[in-house]
Amino acid sequence: MPNRRDIFWLFLICISFIGANLYFVANDNYLFGFVPFAIAVLFLLFYSLEITLLLIVFLTPFSIPLNDFAPSIGFDMNLPTEPLMVAATLVFMLKLILEQRYDKAILKHPVTIVLYFYL
């Protein structure tokens, strides 16, 4: 059971977010509403990489090119899948470095061998 101090901090964070969101909506900036989704995705990245990969698979048909939002940028990427793939790769590499173990059977899997030939 959470104590009173934890509940107080939760309410304070929620009220602060609502206030900040009201400010940004009043100034016609609606991107701040995506902050809870970004926090949820970051949580998934570090605690369940498998669900993150399934989320990437689910969101791939819905991805939108960045040039649709900002045509003046000199590069293009699909949102939200490509940043999620980069983040998942970074988290995977970080886990490899920290845990220092890797399943060697993956290196001999037929799909991996085909990818070797492709590359």
N, C-alpha and C. Protein backbone atom coordinates (compact mmCIF):
# COMPACT_ATOMS: atom_id res chain seq x y z
N MET A 1 0.86 -1.18 0.00
CA MET A 1 0.00 0.00 0.00
C MET A 1 0.90 1.24 0.00
N PRO A 2 0.64 2.16 -0.93
CA PRO A 2 1.46 3.37 -0.97
C PRO A 2 1.19 4.27 0.24
N ASN A 3 2.24 4.93 0.68
CA ASN A 3 2.06 5.83 1.82
C ASN A 3 1.60 7.20 1.34
N ARG A 4 1.34 8.08 2.27
CA ARG A 4 0.78 9.40 1.96
C ARG A 4 1.75 10.25 1.15
N ARG A 5 3.04 10.09 1.41
CA ARG A 5 4.02 10.89 0.69
C ARG A 5 4.06 10.51 -0.79
N ASP A 6 3.98 9.22 -1.09
CA ASP A 6 3.96 8.77 -2.49
C ASP A 6 2.71 9.27 -3.21
N ILE A 7 1.59 9.20 -2.53
CA ILE A 7 0.34 9.70 -3.12
C ILE A 7 0.42 11.20 -3.35
N PHE A 8 1.00 11.94 -2.43
CA PHE A 8 1.17 13.38 -2.59
C PHE A 8 2.01 13.69 -3.83
N TRP A 9 3.14 12.98 -4.01
CA TRP A 9 4.00 13.23 -5.16
C TRP A 9 3.31 12.85 -6.46
N LEU A 10 2.52 11.78 -6.45
CA LEU A 10 1.78 11.40 -7.64
C LEU A 10 0.77 12.49 -8.03
N PHE A 11 0.03 12.99 -7.05
CA PHE A 11 -0.92 14.07 -7.32
C PHE A 11 -0.21 15.33 -7.80
N LEU A 12 0.92 15.64 -7.21
CA LEU A 12 1.67 16.82 -7.61
C LEU A 12 2.16 16.71 -9.05
N ILE A 13 2.65 15.55 -9.43
CA ILE A 13 3.10 15.34 -10.80
C ILE A 13 1.93 15.42 -11.78
N CYS A 14 0.80 14.82 -11.41
CA CYS A 14 -0.37 14.86 -12.29
C CYS A 14 -0.89 16.27 -12.46
N ILE A 15 -0.99 17.01 -11.39
CA ILE A 15 -1.48 18.38 -11.47
C ILE A 15 -0.51 19.25 -12.26
N SER A 16 0.79 19.03 -12.08
CA SER A 16 1.78 19.77 -12.85
C SER A 16 1.67 19.47 -14.33
N PHE A 17 1.47 18.20 -14.68
CA PHE A 17 1.31 17.85 -16.08
C PHE A 17 0.06 18.47 -16.67
N ILE A 18 -1.04 18.42 -15.93
CA ILE A 18 -2.28 19.02 -16.42
C ILE A 18 -2.11 20.52 -16.63
N GLY A 19 -1.46 21.19 -15.68
CA GLY A 19 -1.21 22.62 -15.83
C GLY A 19 -0.33 22.94 -17.02
N ALA A 20 0.75 22.18 -17.19
CA ALA A 20 1.64 22.41 -18.33
C ALA A 20 0.93 22.11 -19.64
N ASN A 21 0.13 21.07 -19.67
CA ASN A 21 -0.61 20.74 -20.88
C ASN A 21 -1.62 21.82 -21.21
N LEU A 22 -2.30 22.38 -20.20
CA LEU A 22 -3.23 23.49 -20.45
C LEU A 22 -2.51 24.70 -21.03
N TYR A 23 -1.31 24.97 -20.51
CA TYR A 23 -0.52 26.09 -21.03
C TYR A 23 -0.15 25.88 -22.49
N PHE A 24 0.33 24.68 -22.82
CA PHE A 24 0.74 24.41 -24.19
C PHE A 24 -0.45 24.39 -25.15
N VAL A 25 -1.58 23.86 -24.73
CA VAL A 25 -2.77 23.85 -25.59
C VAL A 25 -3.26 25.28 -25.81
N ALA A 26 -3.20 26.11 -24.78
CA ALA A 26 -3.61 27.52 -24.94
C ALA A 26 -2.72 28.25 -25.93
N ASN A 27 -1.47 27.82 -26.06
CA ASN A 27 -0.54 28.44 -27.01
C ASN A 27 -0.44 27.65 -28.32
N ASP A 28 -1.42 26.81 -28.61
CA ASP A 28 -1.52 26.03 -29.84
C ASP A 28 -0.32 25.11 -30.07
N ASN A 29 0.21 24.53 -29.02
CA ASN A 29 1.27 23.55 -29.13
C ASN A 29 0.74 22.25 -28.53
N TYR A 30 0.39 21.30 -29.41
CA TYR A 30 -0.28 20.09 -28.95
C TYR A 30 0.67 18.90 -28.77
N LEU A 31 1.94 19.08 -29.03
CA LEU A 31 2.89 17.97 -28.94
C LEU A 31 3.18 17.54 -27.50
N PHE A 32 2.95 18.41 -26.54
CA PHE A 32 3.21 18.07 -25.14
C PHE A 32 2.31 16.93 -24.66
N GLY A 33 1.20 16.72 -25.32
CA GLY A 33 0.29 15.64 -24.96
C GLY A 33 0.86 14.26 -25.20
N PHE A 34 1.93 14.19 -26.00
CA PHE A 34 2.57 12.90 -26.27
C PHE A 34 3.57 12.48 -25.20
N VAL A 35 3.82 13.32 -24.23
CA VAL A 35 4.81 13.03 -23.19
C VAL A 35 4.45 11.74 -22.42
N PRO A 36 3.20 11.51 -22.01
CA PRO A 36 2.91 10.24 -21.31
C PRO A 36 3.17 9.01 -22.17
N PHE A 37 2.89 9.11 -23.48
CA PHE A 37 3.16 7.99 -24.37
C PHE A 37 4.67 7.75 -24.50
N ALA A 38 5.43 8.82 -24.57
CA ALA A 38 6.89 8.69 -24.65
C ALA A 38 7.45 8.05 -23.38
N ILE A 39 6.92 8.43 -22.24
CA ILE A 39 7.37 7.84 -20.97
C ILE A 39 7.01 6.35 -20.93
N ALA A 40 5.81 6.00 -21.42
CA ALA A 40 5.40 4.60 -21.44
C ALA A 40 6.29 3.78 -22.37
N VAL A 41 6.66 4.35 -23.52
CA VAL A 41 7.53 3.63 -24.45
C VAL A 41 8.93 3.47 -23.85
N LEU A 42 9.44 4.50 -23.17
CA LEU A 42 10.74 4.37 -22.51
C LEU A 42 10.70 3.29 -21.43
N PHE A 43 9.60 3.23 -20.69
CA PHE A 43 9.44 2.19 -19.69
C PHE A 43 9.47 0.81 -20.35
N LEU A 44 8.75 0.67 -21.48
CA LEU A 44 8.73 -0.60 -22.19
C LEU A 44 10.12 -0.97 -22.71
N LEU A 45 10.85 0.03 -23.18
CA LEU A 45 12.19 -0.25 -23.72
C LEU A 45 13.10 -0.89 -22.68
N PHE A 46 13.04 -0.41 -21.46
CA PHE A 46 13.96 -0.91 -20.44
C PHE A 46 13.44 -2.13 -19.69
N TYR A 47 12.12 -2.34 -19.67
CA TYR A 47 11.59 -3.44 -18.88
C TYR A 47 11.03 -4.59 -19.70
N SER A 48 10.71 -4.35 -20.97
CA SER A 48 10.18 -5.43 -21.80
C SER A 48 10.52 -5.14 -23.25
N LEU A 49 11.69 -5.56 -23.65
CA LEU A 49 12.14 -5.33 -25.02
C LEU A 49 11.31 -6.13 -26.02
N GLU A 50 10.78 -7.28 -25.61
CA GLU A 50 9.95 -8.09 -26.50
C GLU A 50 8.66 -7.36 -26.87
N ILE A 51 8.02 -6.74 -25.89
CA ILE A 51 6.79 -5.99 -26.17
C ILE A 51 7.11 -4.77 -27.02
N THR A 52 8.27 -4.17 -26.82
CA THR A 52 8.68 -3.04 -27.65
C THR A 52 8.83 -3.46 -29.10
N LEU A 53 9.41 -4.63 -29.33
CA LEU A 53 9.54 -5.13 -30.70
C LEU A 53 8.17 -5.41 -31.32
N LEU A 54 7.25 -5.94 -30.54
CA LEU A 54 5.89 -6.14 -31.04
C LEU A 54 5.20 -4.81 -31.32
N LEU A 55 5.48 -3.81 -30.51
CA LEU A 55 4.94 -2.46 -30.75
C LEU A 55 5.48 -1.89 -32.06
N ILE A 56 6.75 -2.11 -32.34
CA ILE A 56 7.34 -1.65 -33.60
C ILE A 56 6.65 -2.35 -34.78
N VAL A 57 6.42 -3.64 -34.66
CA VAL A 57 5.74 -4.38 -35.73
C VAL A 57 4.32 -3.85 -35.91
N PHE A 58 3.63 -3.56 -34.83
CA PHE A 58 2.26 -3.05 -34.91
C PHE A 58 2.22 -1.65 -35.53
N LEU A 59 3.18 -0.79 -35.19
CA LEU A 59 3.15 0.59 -35.65
C LEU A 59 3.73 0.79 -37.05
N THR A 60 4.39 -0.20 -37.61
CA THR A 60 5.02 -0.04 -38.92
C THR A 60 4.03 0.36 -40.02
N PRO A 61 2.85 -0.23 -40.13
CA PRO A 61 1.93 0.24 -41.17
C PRO A 61 1.41 1.66 -40.94
N PHE A 62 1.49 2.14 -39.72
CA PHE A 62 0.97 3.47 -39.40
C PHE A 62 2.05 4.55 -39.40
N SER A 63 3.28 4.20 -39.76
CA SER A 63 4.36 5.18 -39.68
C SER A 63 4.20 6.25 -40.76
N ILE A 64 4.62 7.45 -40.40
CA ILE A 64 4.44 8.63 -41.24
C ILE A 64 5.82 9.23 -41.51
N PRO A 65 6.10 9.60 -42.76
CA PRO A 65 7.40 10.23 -43.05
C PRO A 65 7.54 11.59 -42.35
N LEU A 66 8.72 11.86 -41.89
CA LEU A 66 9.00 13.13 -41.20
C LEU A 66 8.84 14.33 -42.13
N ASN A 67 9.08 14.13 -43.42
CA ASN A 67 8.95 15.23 -44.38
C ASN A 67 7.51 15.73 -44.49
N ASP A 68 6.54 14.94 -44.06
CA ASP A 68 5.15 15.42 -44.05
C ASP A 68 4.95 16.52 -43.01
N PHE A 69 5.73 16.45 -41.91
CA PHE A 69 5.62 17.45 -40.85
C PHE A 69 6.57 18.61 -41.06
N ALA A 70 7.78 18.32 -41.48
CA ALA A 70 8.82 19.35 -41.63
C ALA A 70 9.54 19.14 -42.96
N PRO A 71 9.01 19.70 -44.04
CA PRO A 71 9.64 19.46 -45.35
C PRO A 71 11.00 20.13 -45.52
N SER A 72 11.34 21.08 -44.66
CA SER A 72 12.61 21.80 -44.82
C SER A 72 13.80 21.04 -44.22
N ILE A 73 13.55 19.94 -43.50
CA ILE A 73 14.64 19.17 -42.91
C ILE A 73 15.35 18.40 -44.02
N GLY A 74 16.65 18.31 -43.94
CA GLY A 74 17.44 17.69 -44.99
C GLY A 74 17.45 16.18 -44.98
N PHE A 75 16.81 15.52 -44.02
CA PHE A 75 16.78 14.06 -43.97
C PHE A 75 15.35 13.61 -43.76
N ASP A 76 15.12 12.33 -43.95
CA ASP A 76 13.78 11.78 -43.78
C ASP A 76 13.85 10.51 -42.95
N MET A 77 12.84 10.29 -42.16
CA MET A 77 12.69 9.04 -41.40
C MET A 77 11.21 8.83 -41.15
N ASN A 78 10.85 7.60 -40.90
CA ASN A 78 9.45 7.28 -40.62
C ASN A 78 9.22 7.33 -39.11
N LEU A 79 8.21 8.07 -38.72
CA LEU A 79 7.86 8.20 -37.31
C LEU A 79 6.67 7.30 -37.01
N PRO A 80 6.60 6.62 -35.95
CA PRO A 80 7.49 6.50 -34.81
C PRO A 80 8.40 5.29 -34.88
N THR A 81 8.37 4.53 -35.99
CA THR A 81 9.05 3.23 -35.98
C THR A 81 10.58 3.33 -36.02
N GLU A 82 11.13 4.20 -36.83
CA GLU A 82 12.59 4.24 -36.93
C GLU A 82 13.26 4.73 -35.64
N PRO A 83 12.75 5.76 -34.95
CA PRO A 83 13.36 6.08 -33.66
C PRO A 83 13.21 4.95 -32.64
N LEU A 84 12.10 4.23 -32.69
CA LEU A 84 11.92 3.08 -31.79
C LEU A 84 12.93 1.97 -32.09
N MET A 85 13.20 1.74 -33.38
CA MET A 85 14.18 0.71 -33.74
C MET A 85 15.58 1.10 -33.27
N VAL A 86 15.93 2.36 -33.42
CA VAL A 86 17.25 2.82 -32.96
C VAL A 86 17.34 2.69 -31.44
N ALA A 87 16.28 3.09 -30.73
CA ALA A 87 16.29 2.99 -29.27
C ALA A 87 16.36 1.53 -28.82
N ALA A 88 15.62 0.64 -29.49
CA ALA A 88 15.66 -0.78 -29.13
C ALA A 88 17.05 -1.35 -29.38
N THR A 89 17.69 -0.93 -30.46
CA THR A 89 19.05 -1.40 -30.74
C THR A 89 20.02 -0.92 -29.68
N LEU A 90 19.90 0.34 -29.27
CA LEU A 90 20.78 0.87 -28.24
C LEU A 90 20.58 0.16 -26.90
N VAL A 91 19.33 -0.11 -26.55
CA VAL A 91 19.06 -0.82 -25.29
C VAL A 91 19.60 -2.25 -25.37
N PHE A 92 19.47 -2.91 -26.53
CA PHE A 92 20.01 -4.25 -26.70
C PHE A 92 21.53 -4.25 -26.55
N MET A 93 22.19 -3.28 -27.18
CA MET A 93 23.65 -3.19 -27.06
C MET A 93 24.07 -2.90 -25.62
N LEU A 94 23.32 -2.04 -24.93
CA LEU A 94 23.61 -1.74 -23.53
C LEU A 94 23.46 -3.00 -22.67
N LYS A 95 22.42 -3.80 -22.93
CA LYS A 95 22.25 -5.05 -22.18
C LYS A 95 23.38 -6.02 -22.46
N LEU A 96 23.83 -6.07 -23.73
CA LEU A 96 24.96 -6.95 -24.05
C LEU A 96 26.21 -6.53 -23.30
N ILE A 97 26.45 -5.23 -23.21
CA ILE A 97 27.64 -4.74 -22.52
C ILE A 97 27.54 -5.00 -21.02
N LEU A 98 26.38 -4.77 -20.43
CA LEU A 98 26.24 -4.92 -18.99
C LEU A 98 26.19 -6.38 -18.55
N GLU A 99 25.46 -7.22 -19.28
CA GLU A 99 25.32 -8.61 -18.87
C GLU A 99 26.46 -9.49 -19.34
N GLN A 100 27.11 -9.12 -20.40
CA GLN A 100 28.25 -9.84 -20.98
C GLN A 100 27.95 -11.31 -21.25
N ARG A 101 26.77 -11.57 -21.77
CA ARG A 101 26.44 -12.91 -22.22
C ARG A 101 25.52 -12.81 -23.42
N TYR A 102 25.65 -13.77 -24.32
CA TYR A 102 24.86 -13.79 -25.55
C TYR A 102 24.65 -15.23 -25.95
N ASP A 103 23.47 -15.57 -26.39
CA ASP A 103 23.14 -16.93 -26.80
C ASP A 103 23.81 -17.23 -28.14
N LYS A 104 24.78 -18.11 -28.13
CA LYS A 104 25.56 -18.44 -29.34
C LYS A 104 24.72 -19.19 -30.38
N ALA A 105 23.62 -19.80 -29.97
CA ALA A 105 22.77 -20.54 -30.92
C ALA A 105 22.14 -19.59 -31.95
N ILE A 106 21.97 -18.33 -31.57
CA ILE A 106 21.39 -17.36 -32.50
C ILE A 106 22.33 -17.14 -33.68
N LEU A 107 23.62 -17.20 -33.47
CA LEU A 107 24.58 -16.98 -34.54
C LEU A 107 24.55 -18.09 -35.59
N LYS A 108 24.04 -19.27 -35.23
CA LYS A 108 23.99 -20.40 -36.15
C LYS A 108 22.58 -20.67 -36.68
N HIS A 109 21.64 -19.79 -36.38
CA HIS A 109 20.27 -19.94 -36.85
C HIS A 109 20.23 -19.74 -38.36
N PRO A 110 19.38 -20.45 -39.08
CA PRO A 110 19.33 -20.31 -40.55
C PRO A 110 19.01 -18.89 -41.03
N VAL A 111 18.14 -18.21 -40.33
CA VAL A 111 17.82 -16.84 -40.74
C VAL A 111 19.03 -15.93 -40.56
N THR A 112 19.79 -16.13 -39.50
CA THR A 112 20.99 -15.34 -39.28
C THR A 112 22.02 -15.62 -40.37
N ILE A 113 22.16 -16.87 -40.77
CA ILE A 113 23.11 -17.23 -41.84
C ILE A 113 22.70 -16.57 -43.15
N VAL A 114 21.41 -16.55 -43.45
CA VAL A 114 20.93 -15.87 -44.66
C VAL A 114 21.23 -14.39 -44.58
N LEU A 115 21.07 -13.79 -43.41
CA LEU A 115 21.39 -12.37 -43.25
C LEU A 115 22.88 -12.11 -43.44
N TYR A 116 23.73 -13.05 -43.02
CA TYR A 116 25.17 -12.91 -43.27
C TYR A 116 25.45 -12.82 -44.76
N PHE A 117 24.84 -13.73 -45.54
CA PHE A 117 25.05 -13.73 -46.98
C PHE A 117 24.50 -12.47 -47.62
N TYR A 118 23.36 -11.99 -47.11
CA TYR A 118 22.76 -10.77 -47.64
C TYR A 118 23.66 -9.57 -47.41
N LEU A 119 24.23 -9.50 -46.22
CA LEU A 119 25.09 -8.36 -45.90
C LEU A 119 26.43 -8.46 -46.62
